Amino acid sequence: MPQSHQYDVLIIGSGAAGLAVALNLPSHLKVAVISKGELSSGSTLWAQGGIAAVLDSEDSIEAHIQDTLDAGADLCHEDAVRFTVEHSRESIEWLIDKGVAFTRDEEHNYHLTREGGHSRRRIIHAADATGQAVSHTLSDQARACPNVDIMEHRVAVDLITHRKLALPGNRCVGAYVLNLDDSHVELFSARFVVIATGGASKAYRYTSNPDGASGDGIAMAWRAGCRVANMEFNQFHPTCMYHPHAKSFLITEAVRGEGGQLLLPDGSSFMERFDPRGELAPRDIVARAIDHEMKRLGADHLYLDISHKPADFIKTHFPTIYEKCLDFGVDMTRDPIPVVPAAHYTCGGVMTDNRARTDVNQLYVVGEAAFTGLHGANRMASNSLLECLVYGRAAAEDIARYDADIPPPPEAPAWDESQVRDSDEDVVISHNWDELRHFMWDYVGIVRTTKRLQRAKHRVDLLSREIGEFYNNYRVSNDLLELRNLVTVSDLIICSALQRRESRGLHYTLDYPGLLHEARDTILTPTTFRSIAP
């Protein structure tokens, strides 16, 4: 029989954001951390570059704030930017205290690198595998916490709210969770629920993200009644390795920060024609430049070359990338790396305040699934892990503050499978998955038009109906749940893009290439969504 669990705090997601919440909660609270795979299998593990923070005496909070505002194309919320940057040093000190071994220089000071959009060296890192160092350290700490239960191989199906239980108000009181080991849906009741599920880049055919980045938390919060904002801003990382077996392996921006040059197939540089900052321009500019040159030349890929640097320098600063490239026959100390852009980061998400609270009581969203206002129209490099830490800790503090005021959750019914059956047409899921990711890449990618977006909207509506019918008639599986969530999030992306009639930051449309005088967020509300969709 499916199990029922009761906790004080249910955290859905096990990356830096979710674990930051768990490790900052009071020890008397009973906490569950839900992970789709192994505990450290999320996007945090794959983060190479580092974490932006004001740590150098020549840097300043105001400079970091201004760089973030500039990268965000006038859409960042200055209060959120200031809140994040002002808490950057203490967040890094917290990680160091937990045992994260950041790279030091010859004088034993922490080595800081520079990435696109930053006017100073402020990226603290653990070689070129910062995410791995953070993920493994926080995972070990969480496993050692007696009040934290780690629940691996589980994927959330949907949130449980007062509204769904026909009770007054709209408080979140838990979630239904599929146990991937036995295929049963379990009931998790909790006084507080935290979504930390990451972004939705798997909506696109080419992505730097792990397979679990299917927008689950955004879709669940939307269905529970939360507003979402700025979903049209999908960041495409300019440089993922181009190789049939590399699965879009990310080449960190720090390679360009340390002197790497982008080259055309004939070996000539081109970034100076697009931006005076060249390779250190913000990611949206670099990605569009690469996309433009690839289309102009009919090329499958371009190149990133740092071979002019000493071999020892490259091997020391980028050991992971060096070894990975060797696996695919590329020696980056001698050869340029073939690269293409790939979907990388969801800048929009579920609307939250500076305590990570949403429109639904006792529901928090942290990390990439959240819209805090920090990133605006384009996330500046290495601000994302910082956001996970700052808002994860803020959510934990808020839960602790109101712990005594929140009663136990009401009784909720067990998941009912009596009206569904096992699927004998799983090919429908795989076909629809491929179709969705293809048309999102072709029609809602780096460069957009209204006609392409309208085509995408028509197709996503058809898929939504078909997948909804499938969901209502068959037992749930991980693939079905991810596809259902990806279709929901893709719909939100498309409708948000259709509403923005300008080109700003990551949203670039040939029909509206200029900027509007007023920078405004695109906010979608569940109760009015269908009336604004074309």
Protein backbone atom coordinates (compact mmCIF):
# COMPACT_ATOMS: atom_id res chain seq x y z
CA MET A 1 0.00 0.00 0.00
CA PRO A 2 1.18 3.56 -0.73
CA GLN A 3 2.66 5.25 2.31
CA SER A 4 1.59 8.47 4.03
CA HIS A 5 4.16 10.79 5.59
CA GLN A 6 3.80 13.79 7.87
CA TYR A 7 6.45 16.50 8.25
CA ASP A 8 6.83 20.05 9.43
CA VAL A 9 8.59 21.06 6.20
CA LEU A 10 8.49 19.32 2.82
CA ILE A 11 11.25 20.43 0.41
CA ILE A 12 10.74 19.35 -3.20
CA GLY A 13 14.15 19.48 -4.85
CA SER A 14 17.67 18.72 -3.63
CA GLY A 15 19.94 21.27 -5.29
CA ALA A 16 21.70 24.17 -3.59
CA ALA A 17 18.43 26.05 -2.98
CA GLY A 18 16.56 23.15 -1.38
CA LEU A 19 19.50 22.05 0.74
CA ALA A 20 20.17 25.64 1.82
CA VAL A 21 16.63 25.69 3.22
CA ALA A 22 17.02 22.32 4.96
CA LEU A 23 20.37 23.18 6.56
CA ASN A 24 19.19 26.55 7.88
CA LEU A 25 15.97 25.31 9.51
CA PRO A 26 15.78 24.87 13.30
CA SER A 27 16.79 21.38 14.41
CA HIS A 28 13.43 20.71 16.12
CA LEU A 29 11.57 20.76 12.79
CA LYS A 30 11.02 17.46 11.02
CA VAL A 31 12.10 17.94 7.40
CA ALA A 32 11.79 15.84 4.23
CA VAL A 33 13.88 16.50 1.13
CA ILE A 34 12.47 14.95 -2.05
CA SER A 35 14.89 14.19 -4.90
CA LYS A 36 14.04 12.84 -8.37
CA GLY A 37 17.23 10.82 -8.51
CA GLU A 38 20.23 10.64 -6.25
CA LEU A 39 20.45 13.49 -3.75
CA SER A 40 23.04 15.44 -5.73
CA SER A 41 21.68 14.79 -9.23
CA GLY A 42 20.18 18.23 -9.94
CA SER A 43 21.42 21.25 -11.87
CA THR A 44 23.70 22.45 -9.06
CA LEU A 45 26.02 19.52 -9.73
CA TRP A 46 26.62 20.75 -13.29
CA ALA A 47 27.44 24.38 -12.45
CA GLN A 48 31.03 24.98 -13.51
CA GLY A 49 31.80 28.69 -13.26
CA GLY A 50 31.27 29.73 -9.66
CA ILE A 51 29.36 32.09 -7.39
CA ALA A 52 29.32 35.88 -7.73
CA ALA A 53 29.96 37.73 -4.48
CA VAL A 54 31.59 40.93 -3.25
CA LEU A 55 34.76 39.58 -1.64
CA ASP A 56 37.60 41.72 -2.98
CA SER A 57 38.65 45.06 -1.46
CA GLU A 58 38.59 46.65 -4.93
CA ASP A 59 35.02 45.49 -5.51
CA SER A 60 31.86 46.96 -3.98
CA ILE A 61 28.23 46.11 -3.36
CA GLU A 62 27.19 49.04 -5.56
CA ALA A 63 29.34 47.80 -8.46
CA HIS A 64 27.85 44.30 -8.26
CA ILE A 65 24.36 45.79 -8.11
CA GLN A 66 25.00 48.03 -11.11
CA ASP A 67 26.46 45.21 -13.20
CA THR A 68 23.38 43.08 -12.44
CA LEU A 69 21.00 45.91 -13.32
CA ASP A 70 22.85 46.55 -16.59
CA ALA A 71 22.74 42.87 -17.60
CA GLY A 72 19.03 42.67 -16.75
CA ALA A 73 18.06 45.29 -19.36
CA ASP A 74 16.11 47.53 -16.95
CA LEU A 75 13.85 44.72 -15.73
CA CYS A 76 15.67 43.76 -12.54
CA HIS A 77 13.93 44.69 -9.29
CA GLU A 78 16.53 46.82 -7.54
CA ASP A 79 15.31 45.82 -4.08
CA ALA A 80 15.82 42.13 -4.93
CA VAL A 81 19.24 42.81 -6.46
CA ARG A 82 20.36 44.77 -3.40
CA PHE A 83 18.97 42.14 -1.01
CA THR A 84 20.88 39.40 -2.85
CA VAL A 85 24.19 41.22 -3.21
CA GLU A 86 24.18 42.50 0.37
CA HIS A 87 23.90 38.90 1.58
CA SER A 88 26.55 37.55 -0.81
CA ARG A 89 29.55 37.56 1.51
CA GLU A 90 27.74 35.87 4.40
CA SER A 91 26.41 33.21 1.99
CA ILE A 92 29.93 32.39 0.82
CA GLU A 93 31.17 32.35 4.41
CA TRP A 94 28.36 29.92 5.24
CA LEU A 95 29.50 27.59 2.43
CA ILE A 96 33.10 27.80 3.58
CA ASP A 97 31.98 27.02 7.10
CA LYS A 98 30.13 23.97 5.75
CA GLY A 99 33.36 22.77 4.15
CA VAL A 100 33.26 23.87 0.48
CA ALA A 101 36.90 23.98 -0.69
CA PHE A 102 37.11 26.98 -3.00
CA THR A 103 40.23 27.45 -5.15
CA ARG A 104 43.04 29.54 -3.70
CA ASP A 105 45.87 31.39 -5.48
CA GLU A 106 49.62 31.23 -4.90
CA GLU A 107 49.31 33.52 -1.89
CA HIS A 108 46.60 31.28 -0.43
CA ASN A 109 43.88 33.87 -1.01
CA TYR A 110 40.65 32.75 -2.64
CA HIS A 111 41.02 33.00 -6.42
CA LEU A 112 38.39 35.19 -8.06
CA THR A 113 37.67 35.05 -11.77
CA ARG A 114 35.61 37.29 -14.05
CA GLU A 115 32.71 36.42 -16.33
CA GLY A 116 30.46 38.18 -18.84
CA GLY A 117 28.69 41.30 -17.56
CA HIS A 118 30.95 41.67 -14.48
CA SER A 119 33.16 44.75 -14.20
CA ARG A 120 35.32 43.15 -11.50
CA ARG A 121 36.80 39.77 -10.62
CA ARG A 122 34.20 38.50 -8.15
CA ILE A 123 33.51 34.87 -9.07
CA ILE A 124 34.66 32.53 -6.31
CA HIS A 125 35.00 28.98 -7.57
CA ALA A 126 36.24 25.46 -6.94
CA ALA A 127 38.36 25.01 -10.08
CA ASP A 128 35.81 24.49 -12.88
CA ALA A 129 33.48 22.25 -10.86
CA THR A 130 31.99 24.63 -8.31
CA GLY A 131 28.55 23.06 -8.47
CA GLN A 132 29.99 19.64 -7.76
CA ALA A 133 31.84 20.93 -4.70
CA VAL A 134 28.76 22.73 -3.37
CA SER A 135 26.39 19.86 -4.14
CA HIS A 136 28.52 17.14 -2.54
CA THR A 137 29.28 19.22 0.54
CA LEU A 138 25.67 20.23 1.19
CA SER A 139 24.44 16.69 0.45
CA ASP A 140 26.85 15.26 3.03
CA GLN A 141 25.72 17.86 5.56
CA ALA A 142 22.04 17.10 4.93
CA ARG A 143 22.54 13.36 5.31
CA ALA A 144 24.17 14.00 8.67
CA CYS A 145 21.23 16.05 10.00
CA PRO A 146 19.10 13.91 12.36
CA ASN A 147 15.97 16.01 11.65
CA VAL A 148 16.26 15.73 7.84
CA ASP A 149 14.95 12.69 5.94
CA ILE A 150 16.35 12.27 2.42
CA MET A 151 13.76 10.71 0.08
CA GLU A 152 15.43 9.81 -3.23
CA HIS A 153 13.87 8.51 -6.47
CA ARG A 154 10.64 10.41 -5.94
CA VAL A 155 8.95 12.93 -8.20
CA ALA A 156 6.16 15.26 -7.09
CA VAL A 157 2.84 14.86 -8.88
CA ASP A 158 0.92 17.86 -7.54
CA LEU A 159 0.58 20.10 -4.52
CA ILE A 160 -2.23 19.69 -2.00
CA THR A 161 -3.97 22.93 -1.03
CA HIS A 162 -6.98 23.99 0.99
CA ARG A 163 -8.67 24.88 -2.29
CA LYS A 164 -8.26 21.32 -3.60
CA LEU A 165 -9.62 19.98 -0.32
CA ALA A 166 -12.62 22.34 -0.53
CA LEU A 167 -11.49 24.18 2.61
CA PRO A 168 -11.49 27.95 3.14
CA GLY A 169 -8.39 29.95 2.22
CA ASN A 170 -5.58 28.71 -0.01
CA ARG A 171 -2.89 27.21 2.15
CA CYS A 172 -0.48 24.57 0.84
CA VAL A 173 -0.54 21.48 3.06
CA GLY A 174 1.56 18.91 1.22
CA ALA A 175 2.00 17.05 -2.04
CA TYR A 176 1.34 13.78 -3.80
CA VAL A 177 4.67 12.16 -4.70
CA LEU A 178 5.41 9.26 -7.05
CA ASN A 179 7.86 6.71 -5.61
CA LEU A 180 9.86 5.68 -8.67
CA ASP A 181 11.05 2.49 -6.99
CA ASP A 182 7.59 0.94 -6.56
CA SER A 183 5.46 3.17 -8.89
CA HIS A 184 3.04 4.09 -6.08
CA VAL A 185 1.93 7.64 -5.31
CA GLU A 186 2.55 8.61 -1.68
CA LEU A 187 0.91 11.32 0.41
CA PHE A 188 3.20 13.86 2.05
CA SER A 189 1.47 16.20 4.52
CA ALA A 190 3.39 19.23 5.80
CA ARG A 191 2.86 22.54 7.54
CA PHE A 192 5.25 24.25 5.10
CA VAL A 193 6.14 23.29 1.53
CA VAL A 194 9.20 24.52 -0.37
CA ILE A 195 9.61 24.12 -4.13
CA ALA A 196 13.25 23.98 -5.23
CA THR A 197 12.93 22.00 -8.45
CA GLY A 198 15.01 24.13 -10.83
CA GLY A 199 14.13 25.43 -14.27
CA ALA A 200 12.50 24.21 -17.46
CA SER A 201 15.25 24.12 -20.09
CA LYS A 202 14.31 20.55 -21.09
CA ALA A 203 11.47 22.21 -23.00
CA TYR A 204 14.14 22.81 -25.66
CA ARG A 205 15.83 20.32 -27.96
CA TYR A 206 19.35 21.42 -27.02
CA THR A 207 20.08 22.19 -23.39
CA SER A 208 22.96 22.20 -20.94
CA ASN A 209 20.65 21.02 -18.15
CA PRO A 210 20.27 17.52 -16.67
CA ASP A 211 17.23 15.47 -17.65
CA GLY A 212 15.22 16.47 -14.57
CA ALA A 213 14.94 20.16 -15.55
CA SER A 214 11.34 19.81 -16.69
CA GLY A 215 9.70 22.76 -14.97
CA ASP A 216 7.90 20.58 -12.40
CA GLY A 217 7.80 23.15 -9.59
CA ILE A 218 6.70 26.02 -11.83
CA ALA A 219 3.89 23.94 -13.29
CA MET A 220 2.72 22.65 -9.89
CA ALA A 221 2.72 26.13 -8.35
CA TRP A 222 0.81 27.47 -11.36
CA ARG A 223 -1.82 24.77 -10.99
CA ALA A 224 -2.05 25.62 -7.27
CA GLY A 225 -2.89 29.25 -8.06
CA CYS A 226 0.46 31.08 -8.08
CA ARG A 227 1.29 33.82 -10.55
CA VAL A 228 4.33 33.48 -12.79
CA ALA A 229 6.39 36.25 -14.35
CA ASN A 230 8.79 36.81 -17.25
CA MET A 231 8.67 33.27 -18.56
CA GLU A 232 9.69 34.52 -22.03
CA PHE A 233 13.26 35.08 -20.84
CA ASN A 234 15.06 31.79 -21.48
CA GLN A 235 18.81 32.11 -21.30
CA PHE A 236 20.75 30.21 -23.93
CA HIS A 237 24.31 29.53 -22.87
CA PRO A 238 26.51 30.58 -25.78
CA THR A 239 29.06 27.80 -25.51
CA CYS A 240 28.09 24.17 -25.17
CA MET A 241 30.37 21.60 -26.73
CA TYR A 242 29.24 20.47 -30.18
CA HIS A 243 29.69 16.72 -30.43
CA PRO A 244 27.17 13.94 -31.14
CA HIS A 245 27.96 12.25 -27.83
CA ALA A 246 28.71 15.26 -25.61
CA LYS A 247 25.04 15.83 -24.75
CA SER A 248 25.53 19.62 -24.77
CA PHE A 249 28.42 19.59 -22.31
CA LEU A 250 28.75 23.13 -20.96
CA ILE A 251 31.95 25.11 -21.56
CA THR A 252 31.95 27.58 -18.69
CA GLU A 253 31.93 31.30 -19.34
CA ALA A 254 35.10 31.50 -17.26
CA VAL A 255 36.99 30.21 -20.32
CA ARG A 256 36.09 33.47 -22.07
CA GLY A 257 36.75 35.34 -18.84
CA GLU A 258 40.33 34.04 -18.88
CA GLY A 259 40.95 35.03 -22.50
CA GLY A 260 39.12 32.48 -24.64
CA GLN A 261 38.13 33.78 -28.10
CA LEU A 262 35.14 32.90 -30.23
CA LEU A 263 36.12 32.08 -33.80
CA LEU A 264 34.44 31.43 -37.13
CA PRO A 265 35.28 28.25 -39.07
CA ASP A 266 38.01 30.17 -40.96
CA GLY A 267 39.68 31.08 -37.66
CA SER A 268 38.67 34.76 -37.64
CA SER A 269 37.15 36.50 -34.62
CA PHE A 270 33.75 38.19 -34.82
CA MET A 271 32.48 39.30 -31.40
CA GLU A 272 34.01 42.76 -31.77
CA ARG A 273 31.47 43.40 -34.56
CA PHE A 274 28.56 42.82 -32.15
CA ASP A 275 29.67 44.42 -28.89
CA PRO A 276 32.69 46.45 -27.72
CA ARG A 277 33.04 44.09 -24.77
CA GLY A 278 33.69 41.24 -27.19
CA GLU A 279 33.67 37.81 -25.56
CA LEU A 280 32.77 39.38 -22.19
CA ALA A 281 29.45 40.79 -23.36
CA PRO A 282 26.33 39.47 -21.55
CA ARG A 283 25.19 36.01 -22.56
CA ASP A 284 22.18 37.10 -24.64
CA ILE A 285 24.40 39.20 -26.91
CA VAL A 286 26.99 36.45 -27.28
CA ALA A 287 24.37 33.77 -27.96
CA ARG A 288 22.63 35.90 -30.61
CA ALA A 289 25.97 36.70 -32.25
CA ILE A 290 26.85 33.01 -32.50
CA ASP A 291 23.34 32.17 -33.76
CA HIS A 292 23.59 34.96 -36.37
CA GLU A 293 26.97 33.82 -37.66
CA MET A 294 25.92 30.17 -37.78
CA LYS A 295 22.85 31.03 -39.83
CA ARG A 296 24.77 33.45 -42.06
CA LEU A 297 27.41 30.85 -42.86
CA GLY A 298 25.17 27.77 -42.73
CA ALA A 299 27.50 26.37 -40.08
CA ASP A 300 26.57 23.66 -37.56
CA HIS A 301 28.86 25.19 -34.94
CA LEU A 302 31.58 27.76 -34.25
CA TYR A 303 34.69 27.56 -32.07
CA LEU A 304 35.99 28.70 -28.69
CA ASP A 305 39.79 28.92 -28.53
CA ILE A 306 42.00 29.38 -25.47
CA SER A 307 44.98 27.45 -26.86
CA HIS A 308 47.09 30.63 -26.89
CA LYS A 309 47.28 30.36 -23.07
CA PRO A 310 49.97 28.15 -21.47
CA ALA A 311 48.96 24.51 -21.24
CA ASP A 312 49.61 24.38 -17.49
CA PHE A 313 47.32 27.39 -16.98
CA ILE A 314 44.49 25.69 -18.89
CA LYS A 315 44.88 22.36 -17.08
CA THR A 316 44.99 24.08 -13.68
CA HIS A 317 42.03 26.41 -14.22
CA PHE A 318 39.82 24.07 -16.25
CA PRO A 319 40.71 20.47 -15.32
CA THR A 320 37.19 19.08 -15.74
CA ILE A 321 36.64 20.69 -19.15
CA TYR A 322 40.13 19.70 -20.30
CA GLU A 323 39.56 16.03 -19.45
CA LYS A 324 36.04 16.01 -20.90
CA CYS A 325 37.22 17.56 -24.16
CA LEU A 326 39.98 14.95 -24.38
CA ASP A 327 37.31 12.26 -24.06
CA PHE A 328 35.79 13.63 -27.26
CA GLY A 329 39.09 13.99 -29.12
CA VAL A 330 39.70 17.70 -28.51
CA ASP A 331 42.85 18.92 -26.75
CA MET A 332 41.90 22.45 -25.69
CA THR A 333 45.55 23.31 -24.99
CA ARG A 334 46.17 23.01 -28.75
CA ASP A 335 42.80 23.02 -30.51
CA PRO A 336 39.69 25.22 -30.52
CA ILE A 337 36.57 23.69 -28.96
CA PRO A 338 33.53 23.31 -31.27
CA VAL A 339 30.57 25.07 -29.61
CA VAL A 340 26.86 25.87 -30.09
CA PRO A 341 24.32 27.72 -27.93
CA ALA A 342 21.92 25.65 -25.80
CA ALA A 343 19.00 26.39 -23.47
CA HIS A 344 20.55 26.98 -20.09
CA TYR A 345 18.51 28.96 -17.55
CA THR A 346 14.89 29.96 -16.88
CA CYS A 347 15.01 33.61 -15.79
CA GLY A 348 11.28 33.82 -15.04
CA GLY A 349 9.31 31.65 -12.66
CA VAL A 350 6.89 31.64 -9.75
CA MET A 351 6.51 35.11 -8.25
CA THR A 352 8.01 35.39 -4.76
CA ASP A 353 8.96 38.11 -2.30
CA ASN A 354 12.29 38.54 -0.50
CA ARG A 355 11.32 35.78 1.93
CA ALA A 356 10.60 33.35 -0.95
CA ARG A 357 6.84 33.43 -0.19
CA THR A 358 4.30 32.92 -3.00
CA ASP A 359 0.62 33.74 -3.55
CA VAL A 360 -0.31 30.50 -1.72
CA ASN A 361 0.10 30.52 2.05
CA GLN A 362 2.92 28.38 3.46
CA LEU A 363 4.23 27.67 -0.05
CA TYR A 364 7.76 28.88 -0.78
CA VAL A 365 9.71 28.74 -4.04
CA VAL A 366 13.50 29.09 -4.15
CA GLY A 367 16.18 28.85 -6.83
CA GLU A 368 15.64 28.71 -10.57
CA ALA A 369 11.92 27.92 -10.23
CA ALA A 370 11.36 31.31 -8.59
CA PHE A 371 10.95 34.79 -10.00
CA THR A 372 12.55 37.05 -7.39
CA GLY A 373 13.23 40.01 -9.66
CA LEU A 374 17.00 39.47 -9.47
CA HIS A 375 17.69 38.47 -13.07
CA GLY A 376 15.44 40.80 -15.06
CA ALA A 377 15.58 40.16 -18.80
CA ASN A 378 18.95 38.39 -18.63
CA ARG A 379 20.68 36.58 -15.78
CA MET A 380 24.21 37.76 -15.17
CA ALA A 381 26.76 34.95 -14.95
CA SER A 382 27.15 33.22 -11.56
CA ASN A 383 24.32 35.11 -9.86
CA SER A 384 22.17 31.97 -9.86
CA LEU A 385 23.91 29.91 -7.17
CA LEU A 386 24.09 33.08 -5.08
CA GLU A 387 20.31 33.47 -5.44
CA CYS A 388 19.81 29.85 -4.32
CA LEU A 389 21.80 30.44 -1.15
CA VAL A 390 20.39 33.85 -0.24
CA TYR A 391 16.73 32.98 -0.79
CA GLY A 392 17.09 29.47 0.59
CA ARG A 393 18.33 30.93 3.85
CA ALA A 394 15.63 33.62 3.76
CA ALA A 395 12.91 30.98 3.35
CA ALA A 396 14.29 29.00 6.30
CA GLU A 397 14.33 32.12 8.48
CA ASP A 398 10.72 32.91 7.55
CA ILE A 399 9.56 29.37 8.32
CA ALA A 400 11.31 29.53 11.68
CA ARG A 401 9.71 32.91 12.39
CA TYR A 402 6.16 31.63 11.84
CA ASP A 403 6.67 28.03 12.98
CA ALA A 404 4.64 28.38 16.19
CA ASP A 405 1.70 30.04 14.38
CA ILE A 406 1.02 27.35 11.76
CA PRO A 407 -1.17 24.41 12.85
CA PRO A 408 -0.82 20.83 11.58
CA PRO A 409 -2.22 20.24 8.09
CA PRO A 410 -5.75 18.87 7.70
CA GLU A 411 -6.28 15.26 6.70
CA ALA A 412 -5.99 14.67 2.97
CA PRO A 413 -7.20 11.67 0.96
CA ALA A 414 -4.79 9.09 -0.39
CA TRP A 415 -4.07 9.11 -4.12
CA ASP A 416 -6.87 7.36 -6.01
CA GLU A 417 -5.82 4.98 -8.80
CA SER A 418 -9.09 3.11 -8.99
CA GLN A 419 -10.26 4.84 -12.18
CA VAL A 420 -7.05 4.54 -14.23
CA ARG A 421 -5.14 1.71 -15.91
CA ASP A 422 -1.62 0.94 -17.09
CA SER A 423 -0.72 2.56 -20.38
CA ASP A 424 -0.28 0.41 -23.45
CA GLU A 425 0.65 3.42 -25.62
CA ASP A 426 3.83 4.87 -24.12
CA VAL A 427 4.89 5.75 -27.66
CA VAL A 428 2.47 8.68 -27.35
CA ILE A 429 4.58 10.13 -24.54
CA SER A 430 7.89 9.78 -26.39
CA HIS A 431 6.43 11.17 -29.63
CA ASN A 432 4.86 14.18 -27.92
CA TRP A 433 8.05 14.80 -25.93
CA ASP A 434 10.09 14.97 -29.16
CA GLU A 435 7.52 17.14 -30.93
CA LEU A 436 7.35 19.63 -28.07
CA ARG A 437 11.11 20.08 -27.77
CA HIS A 438 11.53 20.42 -31.55
CA PHE A 439 8.95 23.16 -32.06
CA MET A 440 10.05 25.01 -28.92
CA TRP A 441 13.61 25.08 -30.33
CA ASP A 442 12.50 26.08 -33.85
CA TYR A 443 9.76 28.58 -32.96
CA VAL A 444 10.52 29.86 -29.44
CA GLY A 445 14.31 29.89 -29.51
CA ILE A 446 17.03 32.54 -29.58
CA VAL A 447 15.39 34.61 -32.36
CA ARG A 448 11.59 34.74 -32.54
CA THR A 449 8.76 36.07 -34.71
CA THR A 450 5.07 36.47 -33.99
CA LYS A 451 4.19 33.93 -36.68
CA ARG A 452 6.52 31.34 -35.18
CA LEU A 453 5.11 31.95 -31.71
CA GLN A 454 1.54 31.58 -32.98
CA ARG A 455 2.46 28.29 -34.62
CA ALA A 456 3.97 27.12 -31.36
CA LYS A 457 0.85 28.19 -29.45
CA HIS A 458 -1.40 26.20 -31.79
CA ARG A 459 0.72 23.09 -31.37
CA VAL A 460 1.07 23.37 -27.60
CA ASP A 461 -2.72 23.66 -27.25
CA LEU A 462 -3.17 20.41 -29.17
CA LEU A 463 -0.53 18.68 -27.06
CA SER A 464 -2.07 20.00 -23.84
CA ARG A 465 -5.40 18.41 -24.65
CA GLU A 466 -3.86 15.12 -25.71
CA ILE A 467 -1.60 14.87 -22.66
CA GLY A 468 -4.42 15.92 -20.33
CA GLU A 469 -6.54 13.08 -21.63
CA PHE A 470 -3.63 10.66 -21.24
CA TYR A 471 -3.00 11.85 -17.65
CA ASN A 472 -6.67 11.34 -16.70
CA ASN A 473 -6.85 7.78 -18.01
CA TYR A 474 -3.54 6.11 -17.22
CA ARG A 475 -1.35 5.57 -14.19
CA VAL A 476 1.25 8.24 -13.78
CA SER A 477 4.91 7.69 -14.62
CA ASN A 478 7.94 9.92 -14.43
CA ASP A 479 7.93 10.50 -18.21
CA LEU A 480 4.24 11.40 -18.22
CA LEU A 481 4.58 13.78 -15.27
CA GLU A 482 7.57 15.54 -16.82
CA LEU A 483 5.84 15.84 -20.18
CA ARG A 484 2.70 17.22 -18.53
CA ASN A 485 4.76 19.84 -16.70
CA LEU A 486 6.85 20.74 -19.76
CA VAL A 487 3.72 21.35 -21.82
CA THR A 488 2.32 23.61 -19.09
CA VAL A 489 5.55 25.61 -18.82
CA SER A 490 5.98 25.79 -22.60
CA ASP A 491 2.48 27.26 -22.84
CA LEU A 492 3.47 29.88 -20.25
CA ILE A 493 6.67 30.69 -22.17
CA ILE A 494 4.84 31.08 -25.48
CA CYS A 495 2.04 33.26 -24.10
CA SER A 496 4.52 35.44 -22.25
CA ALA A 497 6.58 35.86 -25.43
CA LEU A 498 3.49 36.81 -27.45
CA GLN A 499 2.66 39.53 -24.93
CA ARG A 500 6.09 41.18 -25.06
CA ARG A 501 6.03 43.36 -28.17
CA GLU A 502 9.62 44.51 -28.00
CA SER A 503 13.11 43.00 -27.98
CA ARG A 504 14.61 43.14 -24.52
CA GLY A 505 17.37 41.01 -23.04
CA LEU A 506 16.86 37.34 -23.82
CA HIS A 507 13.61 37.92 -25.73
CA TYR A 508 14.53 38.95 -29.27
CA THR A 509 11.84 39.15 -31.95
CA LEU A 510 12.31 40.23 -35.56
CA ASP A 511 8.82 41.80 -35.55
CA TYR A 512 9.58 44.18 -32.67
CA PRO A 513 13.38 44.78 -32.72
CA GLY A 514 13.26 47.97 -30.62
CA LEU A 515 12.72 48.70 -26.93
CA LEU A 516 9.54 50.11 -25.43
CA HIS A 517 9.97 53.25 -23.33
CA GLU A 518 8.75 51.51 -20.16
CA ALA A 519 10.23 48.26 -18.93
CA ARG A 520 7.45 46.06 -17.51
CA ASP A 521 7.28 42.49 -16.25
CA THR A 522 5.07 39.97 -18.03
CA ILE A 523 2.81 38.57 -15.32
CA LEU A 524 0.40 35.68 -15.90
CA THR A 525 -2.38 34.86 -13.43
CA PRO A 526 -4.06 31.42 -13.44
CA THR A 527 -7.60 32.81 -13.19
CA THR A 528 -7.19 35.01 -16.30
CA PHE A 529 -4.72 32.95 -18.30
CA ARG A 530 -7.03 31.65 -20.99
CA SER A 531 -8.47 35.08 -21.70
CA ILE A 532 -5.03 36.51 -22.57
CA ALA A 533 -3.78 33.56 -24.59
CA PRO A 534 -4.32 34.16 -28.33
